[in-house]
Amino acid sequence: MQFATAKEGETLAELTARVYKTSSDADLKRVLQRVREVNPTLKAQSKLKAGVFVVVPEVEGVEPSKDAHDEGEMLKPLVEKVREQLGDLRQALDPALDRQETTLKGTLDLAASSEVQKLAKQDKFVRERLGSTIEAAQRQLKRVQALRELQAKAADELKHDLDELFGDLASNVFRASSSPQRQEKRGRSRGHR
């Protein structure tokens, strides 16, 4: 099975004309009808959005152009986009954890400063609150550090799982596209030029 990617504002008819090598208007109409049949959700759309995947069915006597791609070729940009999104997620979470960690370390540094220690010796209220504040900041700092480790581990596991998933998909696609039946069918359709 092959796919094509729509360009922004392209109609299904324009995409079909771009993706198939047709020799007549009759062939183009026949191919467009088949494209509409296998892409029923796109029939009602007057204009397609950029990046929409369109199934490019085999049509006897008509060959797809270089704008049609096998499943494996279509997976590569998807894999790259998912990895990019994963990196963006980590970049979005890291600064939030950095801010929390900086604030908590600042709190602990301030609590350990000579000025605060001096004040704690002089004022019973400060002395009572200082101990619980230090304990709470230390507990929260440990949580932030544990969350950072968990986030890194989860991201690594997700990356590994994605690599495995897309590897399995790619090998299944390769097996399906290189099967003897598929090769024979391709050979027959190319013979009807």
N, C-alpha and C. Protein backbone atom coordinates (compact mmCIF):
# COMPACT_ATOMS: atom_id res chain seq x y z
N MET A 1 0.85 -1.17 0.00
CA MET A 1 0.00 0.00 0.00
C MET A 1 0.89 1.24 0.00
N GLN A 2 0.45 2.23 -0.74
CA GLN A 2 1.21 3.46 -0.80
C GLN A 2 0.37 4.62 -0.27
N PHE A 3 1.08 5.70 0.08
CA PHE A 3 0.44 6.89 0.62
C PHE A 3 1.03 8.11 -0.06
N ALA A 4 0.28 9.20 0.03
CA ALA A 4 0.79 10.50 -0.39
C ALA A 4 0.45 11.49 0.71
N THR A 5 1.19 12.56 0.76
CA THR A 5 0.95 13.60 1.75
C THR A 5 0.38 14.82 1.03
N ALA A 6 -0.75 15.31 1.54
CA ALA A 6 -1.41 16.46 0.92
C ALA A 6 -0.61 17.73 1.17
N LYS A 7 -0.74 18.64 0.22
CA LYS A 7 -0.19 19.98 0.37
C LYS A 7 -1.31 20.88 0.87
N GLU A 8 -0.96 21.95 1.55
CA GLU A 8 -1.96 22.86 2.12
C GLU A 8 -2.90 23.39 1.04
N GLY A 9 -4.22 23.20 1.26
CA GLY A 9 -5.23 23.74 0.37
C GLY A 9 -5.46 22.93 -0.90
N GLU A 10 -4.76 21.83 -1.03
CA GLU A 10 -4.90 20.98 -2.22
C GLU A 10 -6.22 20.23 -2.15
N THR A 11 -6.89 20.09 -3.29
CA THR A 11 -8.11 19.28 -3.33
C THR A 11 -7.72 17.83 -3.57
N LEU A 12 -8.64 16.92 -3.31
CA LEU A 12 -8.37 15.51 -3.55
C LEU A 12 -8.12 15.27 -5.05
N ALA A 13 -8.83 16.01 -5.90
CA ALA A 13 -8.62 15.89 -7.35
C ALA A 13 -7.22 16.37 -7.74
N GLU A 14 -6.76 17.46 -7.14
CA GLU A 14 -5.42 17.96 -7.45
C GLU A 14 -4.35 16.99 -6.96
N LEU A 15 -4.56 16.46 -5.77
CA LEU A 15 -3.61 15.48 -5.24
C LEU A 15 -3.55 14.25 -6.16
N THR A 16 -4.70 13.80 -6.59
CA THR A 16 -4.76 12.62 -7.46
C THR A 16 -4.02 12.89 -8.77
N ALA A 17 -4.23 14.07 -9.35
CA ALA A 17 -3.54 14.43 -10.60
C ALA A 17 -2.03 14.50 -10.39
N ARG A 18 -1.61 14.94 -9.21
CA ARG A 18 -0.17 15.05 -8.91
C ARG A 18 0.45 13.68 -8.65
N VAL A 19 -0.31 12.78 -8.03
CA VAL A 19 0.25 11.52 -7.55
C VAL A 19 0.19 10.39 -8.59
N TYR A 20 -0.70 10.49 -9.56
CA TYR A 20 -0.83 9.44 -10.57
C TYR A 20 -0.40 9.94 -11.93
N LYS A 21 0.22 9.04 -12.69
CA LYS A 21 0.58 9.33 -14.09
C LYS A 21 -0.59 8.85 -14.95
N THR A 22 -1.46 9.76 -15.30
CA THR A 22 -2.61 9.38 -16.14
C THR A 22 -2.40 9.92 -17.54
N SER A 23 -2.96 9.20 -18.52
CA SER A 23 -2.78 9.61 -19.91
C SER A 23 -4.03 10.27 -20.49
N SER A 24 -5.13 10.25 -19.72
CA SER A 24 -6.36 10.85 -20.23
C SER A 24 -7.23 11.32 -19.08
N ASP A 25 -8.20 12.18 -19.42
CA ASP A 25 -9.16 12.64 -18.41
C ASP A 25 -9.99 11.48 -17.88
N ALA A 26 -10.29 10.53 -18.74
CA ALA A 26 -11.08 9.37 -18.32
C ALA A 26 -10.31 8.57 -17.27
N ASP A 27 -9.00 8.38 -17.50
CA ASP A 27 -8.17 7.68 -16.51
C ASP A 27 -8.14 8.45 -15.18
N LEU A 28 -7.99 9.75 -15.27
CA LEU A 28 -7.94 10.58 -14.06
C LEU A 28 -9.24 10.46 -13.28
N LYS A 29 -10.38 10.50 -13.97
CA LYS A 29 -11.68 10.36 -13.30
C LYS A 29 -11.81 8.99 -12.63
N ARG A 30 -11.36 7.95 -13.33
CA ARG A 30 -11.42 6.58 -12.79
C ARG A 30 -10.54 6.46 -11.54
N VAL A 31 -9.35 7.04 -11.61
CA VAL A 31 -8.42 6.99 -10.48
C VAL A 31 -8.98 7.81 -9.31
N LEU A 32 -9.52 9.00 -9.60
CA LEU A 32 -10.08 9.85 -8.55
C LEU A 32 -11.23 9.13 -7.84
N GLN A 33 -12.06 8.43 -8.59
CA GLN A 33 -13.16 7.67 -7.98
C GLN A 33 -12.60 6.62 -7.01
N ARG A 34 -11.55 5.94 -7.42
CA ARG A 34 -10.94 4.90 -6.57
C ARG A 34 -10.29 5.52 -5.33
N VAL A 35 -9.63 6.66 -5.50
CA VAL A 35 -9.01 7.36 -4.35
C VAL A 35 -10.10 7.77 -3.36
N ARG A 36 -11.22 8.25 -3.86
CA ARG A 36 -12.34 8.64 -2.96
C ARG A 36 -12.90 7.42 -2.23
N GLU A 37 -12.95 6.28 -2.92
CA GLU A 37 -13.48 5.06 -2.29
C GLU A 37 -12.62 4.62 -1.11
N VAL A 38 -11.29 4.68 -1.26
CA VAL A 38 -10.42 4.19 -0.20
C VAL A 38 -10.08 5.26 0.85
N ASN A 39 -10.52 6.50 0.61
CA ASN A 39 -10.33 7.59 1.57
C ASN A 39 -11.67 8.27 1.86
N PRO A 40 -12.64 7.50 2.38
CA PRO A 40 -14.00 8.04 2.52
C PRO A 40 -14.08 9.28 3.43
N THR A 41 -13.20 9.38 4.39
CA THR A 41 -13.28 10.54 5.30
C THR A 41 -12.83 11.83 4.63
N LEU A 42 -12.17 11.73 3.50
CA LEU A 42 -11.67 12.92 2.81
C LEU A 42 -12.62 13.42 1.73
N LYS A 43 -13.65 12.63 1.40
CA LYS A 43 -14.58 13.01 0.33
C LYS A 43 -15.22 14.37 0.58
N ALA A 44 -15.63 14.62 1.80
CA ALA A 44 -16.38 15.84 2.12
C ALA A 44 -15.50 17.07 2.23
N GLN A 45 -14.22 16.91 2.31
CA GLN A 45 -13.32 18.05 2.48
C GLN A 45 -13.04 18.70 1.13
N SER A 46 -13.34 19.99 1.02
CA SER A 46 -13.06 20.67 -0.25
C SER A 46 -11.57 20.93 -0.41
N LYS A 47 -10.91 21.29 0.68
CA LYS A 47 -9.47 21.54 0.66
C LYS A 47 -8.82 20.70 1.76
N LEU A 48 -7.68 20.11 1.45
CA LEU A 48 -6.97 19.29 2.42
C LEU A 48 -5.97 20.14 3.19
N LYS A 49 -5.67 19.70 4.38
CA LYS A 49 -4.65 20.37 5.19
C LYS A 49 -3.29 19.76 4.88
N ALA A 50 -2.26 20.55 5.02
CA ALA A 50 -0.90 20.07 4.75
C ALA A 50 -0.58 18.90 5.67
N GLY A 51 0.01 17.87 5.10
CA GLY A 51 0.45 16.73 5.90
C GLY A 51 -0.56 15.62 6.05
N VAL A 52 -1.79 15.80 5.57
CA VAL A 52 -2.80 14.74 5.67
C VAL A 52 -2.35 13.56 4.82
N PHE A 53 -2.40 12.37 5.40
CA PHE A 53 -2.04 11.16 4.67
C PHE A 53 -3.24 10.71 3.83
N VAL A 54 -2.96 10.40 2.58
CA VAL A 54 -3.99 9.92 1.66
C VAL A 54 -3.53 8.56 1.13
N VAL A 55 -4.40 7.56 1.24
CA VAL A 55 -4.08 6.23 0.72
C VAL A 55 -4.07 6.32 -0.81
N VAL A 56 -3.03 5.78 -1.40
CA VAL A 56 -2.87 5.76 -2.86
C VAL A 56 -3.10 4.31 -3.30
N PRO A 57 -4.32 4.01 -3.73
CA PRO A 57 -4.61 2.62 -4.09
C PRO A 57 -4.00 2.25 -5.44
N GLU A 58 -3.81 0.96 -5.61
CA GLU A 58 -3.36 0.47 -6.92
C GLU A 58 -4.56 0.52 -7.86
N VAL A 59 -4.33 1.07 -9.03
CA VAL A 59 -5.38 1.16 -10.05
C VAL A 59 -4.80 0.55 -11.32
N GLU A 60 -5.47 -0.45 -11.82
CA GLU A 60 -4.95 -1.17 -12.98
C GLU A 60 -4.71 -0.23 -14.15
N GLY A 61 -3.52 -0.33 -14.72
CA GLY A 61 -3.16 0.45 -15.90
C GLY A 61 -2.64 1.84 -15.61
N VAL A 62 -2.61 2.23 -14.33
CA VAL A 62 -2.14 3.57 -13.98
C VAL A 62 -1.10 3.44 -12.87
N GLU A 63 0.02 4.07 -13.06
CA GLU A 63 1.11 4.01 -12.08
C GLU A 63 1.15 5.27 -11.22
N PRO A 64 1.40 5.11 -9.94
CA PRO A 64 1.62 6.30 -9.09
C PRO A 64 2.96 6.95 -9.46
N SER A 65 3.06 8.24 -9.21
CA SER A 65 4.30 8.97 -9.47
C SER A 65 5.23 8.86 -8.26
N LYS A 66 6.32 9.60 -8.32
CA LYS A 66 7.28 9.59 -7.20
C LYS A 66 6.70 10.26 -5.95
N ASP A 67 5.55 10.92 -6.07
CA ASP A 67 4.91 11.53 -4.90
C ASP A 67 4.16 10.51 -4.04
N ALA A 68 4.06 9.27 -4.50
CA ALA A 68 3.45 8.19 -3.71
C ALA A 68 4.58 7.42 -3.03
N HIS A 69 4.37 7.11 -1.76
CA HIS A 69 5.43 6.46 -0.98
C HIS A 69 4.90 5.22 -0.29
N ASP A 70 5.78 4.22 -0.15
CA ASP A 70 5.43 3.02 0.61
C ASP A 70 5.28 3.37 2.08
N GLU A 71 4.66 2.45 2.83
CA GLU A 71 4.38 2.68 4.24
C GLU A 71 5.65 3.02 5.02
N GLY A 72 6.71 2.28 4.76
CA GLY A 72 7.96 2.48 5.48
C GLY A 72 8.51 3.88 5.31
N GLU A 73 8.39 4.40 4.10
CA GLU A 73 8.87 5.76 3.84
C GLU A 73 8.02 6.78 4.60
N MET A 74 6.75 6.48 4.77
CA MET A 74 5.85 7.41 5.46
C MET A 74 6.08 7.37 6.98
N LEU A 75 6.60 6.26 7.48
CA LEU A 75 6.83 6.15 8.93
C LEU A 75 7.99 7.03 9.39
N LYS A 76 8.98 7.20 8.55
CA LYS A 76 10.18 7.93 8.96
C LYS A 76 9.87 9.33 9.47
N PRO A 77 9.10 10.17 8.74
CA PRO A 77 8.80 11.50 9.27
C PRO A 77 7.97 11.44 10.56
N LEU A 78 7.10 10.43 10.64
CA LEU A 78 6.29 10.27 11.84
C LEU A 78 7.17 9.96 13.04
N VAL A 79 8.11 9.05 12.87
CA VAL A 79 9.04 8.70 13.94
C VAL A 79 9.84 9.93 14.37
N GLU A 80 10.33 10.68 13.37
CA GLU A 80 11.11 11.88 13.69
C GLU A 80 10.28 12.89 14.44
N LYS A 81 9.01 13.06 14.06
CA LYS A 81 8.13 14.02 14.73
C LYS A 81 7.86 13.60 16.17
N VAL A 82 7.63 12.31 16.39
CA VAL A 82 7.39 11.82 17.75
C VAL A 82 8.62 12.03 18.62
N ARG A 83 9.80 11.73 18.07
CA ARG A 83 11.04 11.95 18.84
C ARG A 83 11.24 13.43 19.15
N GLU A 84 10.93 14.28 18.18
CA GLU A 84 11.05 15.72 18.39
C GLU A 84 10.11 16.17 19.51
N GLN A 85 8.89 15.65 19.50
CA GLN A 85 7.91 16.00 20.54
C GLN A 85 8.38 15.52 21.90
N LEU A 86 8.99 14.36 21.94
CA LEU A 86 9.52 13.82 23.19
C LEU A 86 10.61 14.74 23.73
N GLY A 87 11.49 15.19 22.85
CA GLY A 87 12.54 16.13 23.25
C GLY A 87 11.95 17.45 23.74
N ASP A 88 10.91 17.93 23.05
CA ASP A 88 10.24 19.17 23.46
C ASP A 88 9.62 19.01 24.84
N LEU A 89 9.03 17.86 25.11
CA LEU A 89 8.43 17.61 26.42
C LEU A 89 9.47 17.67 27.52
N ARG A 90 10.60 17.03 27.28
CA ARG A 90 11.68 17.06 28.28
C ARG A 90 12.18 18.48 28.50
N GLN A 91 12.31 19.23 27.41
CA GLN A 91 12.77 20.62 27.52
C GLN A 91 11.77 21.48 28.27
N ALA A 92 10.49 21.17 28.14
CA ALA A 92 9.46 21.93 28.84
C ALA A 92 9.45 21.60 30.33
N LEU A 93 9.69 20.35 30.67
CA LEU A 93 9.64 19.93 32.07
C LEU A 93 10.91 20.29 32.84
N ASP A 94 12.06 20.22 32.19
CA ASP A 94 13.32 20.49 32.87
C ASP A 94 13.38 21.88 33.53
N PRO A 95 13.00 22.96 32.85
CA PRO A 95 13.07 24.28 33.50
C PRO A 95 12.17 24.40 34.74
N ALA A 96 11.02 23.76 34.71
CA ALA A 96 10.13 23.80 35.87
C ALA A 96 10.79 23.12 37.07
N LEU A 97 11.41 21.98 36.82
CA LEU A 97 12.11 21.29 37.91
C LEU A 97 13.34 22.09 38.35
N ASP A 98 14.02 22.70 37.39
CA ASP A 98 15.18 23.54 37.73
C ASP A 98 14.77 24.69 38.65
N ARG A 99 13.64 25.35 38.33
CA ARG A 99 13.17 26.47 39.16
C ARG A 99 12.84 26.00 40.58
N GLN A 100 12.15 24.87 40.67
CA GLN A 100 11.81 24.34 42.00
C GLN A 100 13.07 24.01 42.78
N GLU A 101 14.01 23.36 42.13
CA GLU A 101 15.24 22.97 42.79
C GLU A 101 16.03 24.20 43.25
N THR A 102 16.10 25.21 42.40
CA THR A 102 16.82 26.45 42.75
C THR A 102 16.15 27.13 43.94
N THR A 103 14.82 27.20 43.92
CA THR A 103 14.09 27.83 45.02
C THR A 103 14.32 27.08 46.33
N LEU A 104 14.24 25.77 46.29
CA LEU A 104 14.42 24.97 47.50
C LEU A 104 15.85 25.06 48.04
N LYS A 105 16.82 25.03 47.14
CA LYS A 105 18.22 25.17 47.58
C LYS A 105 18.46 26.56 48.15
N GLY A 106 17.82 27.56 47.55
CA GLY A 106 17.91 28.92 48.09
C GLY A 106 17.32 29.02 49.48
N THR A 107 16.21 28.34 49.68
CA THR A 107 15.57 28.31 51.00
C THR A 107 16.50 27.67 52.03
N LEU A 108 17.10 26.55 51.64
CA LEU A 108 18.02 25.85 52.57
C LEU A 108 19.27 26.69 52.84
N ASP A 109 19.79 27.35 51.81
CA ASP A 109 20.96 28.22 52.00
C ASP A 109 20.63 29.39 52.93
N LEU A 110 19.46 29.96 52.73
CA LEU A 110 19.04 31.08 53.59
C LEU A 110 18.87 30.60 55.03
N ALA A 111 18.26 29.43 55.20
CA ALA A 111 18.05 28.90 56.56
C ALA A 111 19.38 28.62 57.25
N ALA A 112 20.40 28.28 56.48
CA ALA A 112 21.72 27.98 57.06
C ALA A 112 22.58 29.23 57.23
N SER A 113 22.11 30.36 56.72
CA SER A 113 22.92 31.58 56.79
C SER A 113 23.10 32.04 58.24
N SER A 114 24.17 32.74 58.47
CA SER A 114 24.48 33.21 59.83
C SER A 114 23.41 34.19 60.33
N GLU A 115 22.85 34.99 59.43
CA GLU A 115 21.81 35.95 59.84
C GLU A 115 20.57 35.24 60.37
N VAL A 116 20.11 34.22 59.64
CA VAL A 116 18.91 33.50 60.07
C VAL A 116 19.21 32.68 61.32
N GLN A 117 20.38 32.07 61.40
CA GLN A 117 20.76 31.31 62.59
C GLN A 117 20.82 32.23 63.82
N LYS A 118 21.34 33.42 63.63
CA LYS A 118 21.41 34.39 64.73
C LYS A 118 20.01 34.79 65.18
N LEU A 119 19.13 35.02 64.19
CA LEU A 119 17.75 35.38 64.50
C LEU A 119 17.04 34.24 65.21
N ALA A 120 17.31 32.99 64.80
CA ALA A 120 16.68 31.83 65.43
C ALA A 120 17.10 31.70 66.89
N LYS A 121 18.33 32.06 67.21
CA LYS A 121 18.78 32.00 68.60
C LYS A 121 18.07 33.05 69.44
N GLN A 122 17.71 34.16 68.83
CA GLN A 122 17.10 35.27 69.56
C GLN A 122 15.59 35.15 69.66
N ASP A 123 14.95 34.48 68.68
CA ASP A 123 13.47 34.47 68.63
C ASP A 123 12.95 33.04 68.62
N LYS A 124 12.14 32.71 69.64
CA LYS A 124 11.61 31.36 69.79
C LYS A 124 10.71 30.97 68.60
N PHE A 125 9.90 31.89 68.12
CA PHE A 125 9.00 31.62 66.99
C PHE A 125 9.81 31.25 65.74
N VAL A 126 10.86 32.01 65.42
CA VAL A 126 11.71 31.74 64.26
C VAL A 126 12.39 30.39 64.44
N ARG A 127 12.87 30.13 65.65
CA ARG A 127 13.55 28.86 65.95
C ARG A 127 12.61 27.68 65.71
N GLU A 128 11.36 27.78 66.18
CA GLU A 128 10.39 26.69 66.00
C GLU A 128 10.04 26.49 64.52
N ARG A 129 9.87 27.55 63.79
CA ARG A 129 9.50 27.47 62.38
C ARG A 129 10.69 27.07 61.48
N LEU A 130 11.86 27.44 61.85
CA LEU A 130 13.04 27.18 61.03
C LEU A 130 13.27 25.68 60.84
N GLY A 131 13.16 24.91 61.89
CA GLY A 131 13.37 23.47 61.80
C GLY A 131 12.36 22.81 60.87
N SER A 132 11.08 23.16 61.01
CA SER A 132 10.06 22.56 60.14
C SER A 132 10.20 23.04 58.70
N THR A 133 10.65 24.29 58.53
CA THR A 133 10.87 24.81 57.17
C THR A 133 12.02 24.07 56.49
N ILE A 134 13.09 23.84 57.22
CA ILE A 134 14.24 23.11 56.66
C ILE A 134 13.83 21.68 56.29
N GLU A 135 13.11 21.02 57.19
CA GLU A 135 12.67 19.64 56.91
C GLU A 135 11.76 19.58 55.69
N ALA A 136 10.82 20.53 55.59
CA ALA A 136 9.90 20.54 54.44
C ALA A 136 10.66 20.80 53.14
N ALA A 137 11.61 21.73 53.17
CA ALA A 137 12.40 22.04 51.97
C ALA A 137 13.25 20.83 51.56
N GLN A 138 13.83 20.13 52.52
CA GLN A 138 14.64 18.95 52.21
C GLN A 138 13.78 17.83 51.61
N ARG A 139 12.58 17.63 52.19
CA ARG A 139 11.67 16.61 51.65
C ARG A 139 11.26 16.96 50.21
N GLN A 140 10.91 18.21 50.01
CA GLN A 140 10.48 18.63 48.67
C GLN A 140 11.64 18.54 47.66
N LEU A 141 12.84 18.88 48.10
CA LEU A 141 14.01 18.79 47.23
C LEU A 141 14.25 17.33 46.81
N LYS A 142 14.08 16.41 47.77
CA LYS A 142 14.23 14.98 47.43
C LYS A 142 13.16 14.55 46.42
N ARG A 143 11.93 15.08 46.57
CA ARG A 143 10.86 14.75 45.63
C ARG A 143 11.18 15.27 44.23
N VAL A 144 11.69 16.49 44.16
CA VAL A 144 12.05 17.08 42.87
C VAL A 144 13.15 16.26 42.21
N GLN A 145 14.15 15.88 42.97
CA GLN A 145 15.25 15.09 42.43
C GLN A 145 14.76 13.71 41.97
N ALA A 146 13.86 13.11 42.76
CA ALA A 146 13.29 11.81 42.38
C ALA A 146 12.43 11.96 41.11
N LEU A 147 11.69 13.05 41.03
CA LEU A 147 10.87 13.30 39.85
C LEU A 147 11.74 13.49 38.61
N ARG A 148 12.84 14.18 38.76
CA ARG A 148 13.77 14.37 37.64
C ARG A 148 14.31 13.01 37.16
N GLU A 149 14.70 12.15 38.10
CA GLU A 149 15.19 10.82 37.74
C GLU A 149 14.10 9.99 37.07
N LEU A 150 12.88 10.06 37.63
CA LEU A 150 11.75 9.32 37.07
C LEU A 150 11.43 9.82 35.67
N GLN A 151 11.46 11.13 35.49
CA GLN A 151 11.19 11.73 34.18
C GLN A 151 12.22 11.26 33.16
N ALA A 152 13.48 11.26 33.53
CA ALA A 152 14.53 10.83 32.61
C ALA A 152 14.36 9.35 32.27
N LYS A 153 14.06 8.54 33.28
CA LYS A 153 13.87 7.11 33.05
C LYS A 153 12.65 6.87 32.15
N ALA A 154 11.55 7.57 32.42
CA ALA A 154 10.34 7.40 31.61
C ALA A 154 10.59 7.83 30.16
N ALA A 155 11.30 8.93 29.98
CA ALA A 155 11.61 9.40 28.62
C ALA A 155 12.48 8.39 27.89
N ASP A 156 13.47 7.84 28.58
CA ASP A 156 14.34 6.84 27.96
C ASP A 156 13.55 5.58 27.60
N GLU A 157 12.66 5.15 28.51
CA GLU A 157 11.85 3.96 28.23
C GLU A 157 10.89 4.22 27.07
N LEU A 158 10.31 5.42 27.04
CA LEU A 158 9.40 5.76 25.95
C LEU A 158 10.15 5.79 24.62
N LYS A 159 11.33 6.36 24.62
CA LYS A 159 12.14 6.39 23.39
C LYS A 159 12.45 4.97 22.94
N HIS A 160 12.84 4.12 23.88
CA HIS A 160 13.14 2.72 23.56
C HIS A 160 11.89 2.03 23.00
N ASP A 161 10.75 2.22 23.68
CA ASP A 161 9.50 1.60 23.23
C ASP A 161 9.11 2.08 21.84
N LEU A 162 9.28 3.39 21.59
CA LEU A 162 8.97 3.93 20.26
C LEU A 162 9.89 3.33 19.20
N ASP A 163 11.18 3.26 19.52
CA ASP A 163 12.13 2.65 18.58
C ASP A 163 11.72 1.22 18.26
N GLU A 164 11.34 0.50 19.29
CA GLU A 164 10.93 -0.90 19.11
C GLU A 164 9.65 -0.99 18.28
N LEU A 165 8.67 -0.15 18.62
CA LEU A 165 7.39 -0.14 17.90
C LEU A 165 7.59 0.19 16.43
N PHE A 166 8.33 1.27 16.16
CA PHE A 166 8.53 1.66 14.78
C PHE A 166 9.42 0.67 14.03
N GLY A 167 10.33 0.04 14.74
CA GLY A 167 11.13 -1.02 14.12
C GLY A 167 10.25 -2.18 13.70
N ASP A 168 9.34 -2.58 14.60
CA ASP A 168 8.40 -3.66 14.28
C ASP A 168 7.50 -3.28 13.11
N LEU A 169 6.98 -2.04 13.15
CA LEU A 169 6.11 -1.59 12.07
C LEU A 169 6.86 -1.58 10.74
N ALA A 170 8.06 -1.04 10.76
CA ALA A 170 8.85 -0.97 9.53
C ALA A 170 9.15 -2.36 8.98
N SER A 171 9.49 -3.30 9.87
CA SER A 171 9.80 -4.64 9.36
C SER A 171 8.54 -5.33 8.85
N ASN A 172 7.39 -5.08 9.50
CA ASN A 172 6.13 -5.65 9.01
C ASN A 172 5.76 -5.04 7.66
N VAL A 173 5.96 -3.75 7.53
CA VAL A 173 5.66 -3.07 6.27
C VAL A 173 6.58 -3.61 5.18
N PHE A 174 7.87 -3.78 5.52
CA PHE A 174 8.82 -4.28 4.54
C PHE A 174 8.42 -5.68 4.09
N ARG A 175 8.05 -6.51 5.08
CA ARG A 175 7.65 -7.89 4.72
C ARG A 175 6.42 -7.86 3.83
N ALA A 176 5.45 -7.01 4.17
CA ALA A 176 4.21 -6.96 3.38
C ALA A 176 4.47 -6.41 1.98
N SER A 177 5.33 -5.38 1.89
CA SER A 177 5.56 -4.78 0.58
C SER A 177 6.49 -5.63 -0.29
N SER A 178 7.23 -6.56 0.31
CA SER A 178 8.13 -7.38 -0.49
C SER A 178 7.63 -8.82 -0.61
N SER A 179 6.38 -9.06 -0.21
CA SER A 179 5.85 -10.41 -0.32
C SER A 179 5.73 -10.80 -1.79
N PRO A 180 5.82 -12.09 -2.10
CA PRO A 180 5.73 -12.53 -3.50
C PRO A 180 4.43 -12.08 -4.16
N GLN A 181 3.29 -12.13 -3.42
CA GLN A 181 2.01 -11.70 -3.99
C GLN A 181 2.06 -10.22 -4.34
N ARG A 182 2.64 -9.44 -3.47
CA ARG A 182 2.73 -7.99 -3.69
C ARG A 182 3.63 -7.70 -4.89
N GLN A 183 4.77 -8.39 -4.97
CA GLN A 183 5.69 -8.19 -6.08
C GLN A 183 5.03 -8.59 -7.41
N GLU A 184 4.29 -9.70 -7.37
CA GLU A 184 3.62 -10.16 -8.58
C GLU A 184 2.57 -9.15 -9.02
N LYS A 185 1.82 -8.63 -8.07
CA LYS A 185 0.78 -7.65 -8.37
C LYS A 185 1.41 -6.38 -8.94
N ARG A 186 2.50 -5.93 -8.38
CA ARG A 186 3.20 -4.75 -8.90
C ARG A 186 3.66 -5.00 -10.33
N GLY A 187 4.21 -6.17 -10.55
CA GLY A 187 4.69 -6.51 -11.89
C GLY A 187 3.56 -6.51 -12.90
N ARG A 188 2.39 -7.04 -12.54
CA ARG A 188 1.22 -7.05 -13.45
C ARG A 188 0.76 -5.64 -13.74
N SER A 189 0.69 -4.78 -12.71
CA SER A 189 0.19 -3.42 -12.93
C SER A 189 1.17 -2.62 -13.77
N ARG A 190 2.45 -2.87 -13.65
CA ARG A 190 3.44 -2.16 -14.48
C ARG A 190 3.41 -2.62 -15.92
N GLY A 191 2.98 -3.84 -16.13
CA GLY A 191 2.88 -4.37 -17.47
C GLY A 191 1.72 -3.81 -18.28
N HIS A 192 0.78 -3.12 -17.63
CA HIS A 192 -0.41 -2.57 -18.30
C HIS A 192 -0.25 -1.10 -18.65
N ARG A 193 0.94 -0.63 -18.82
CA ARG A 193 1.14 0.80 -19.10
C ARG A 193 0.57 1.20 -20.40
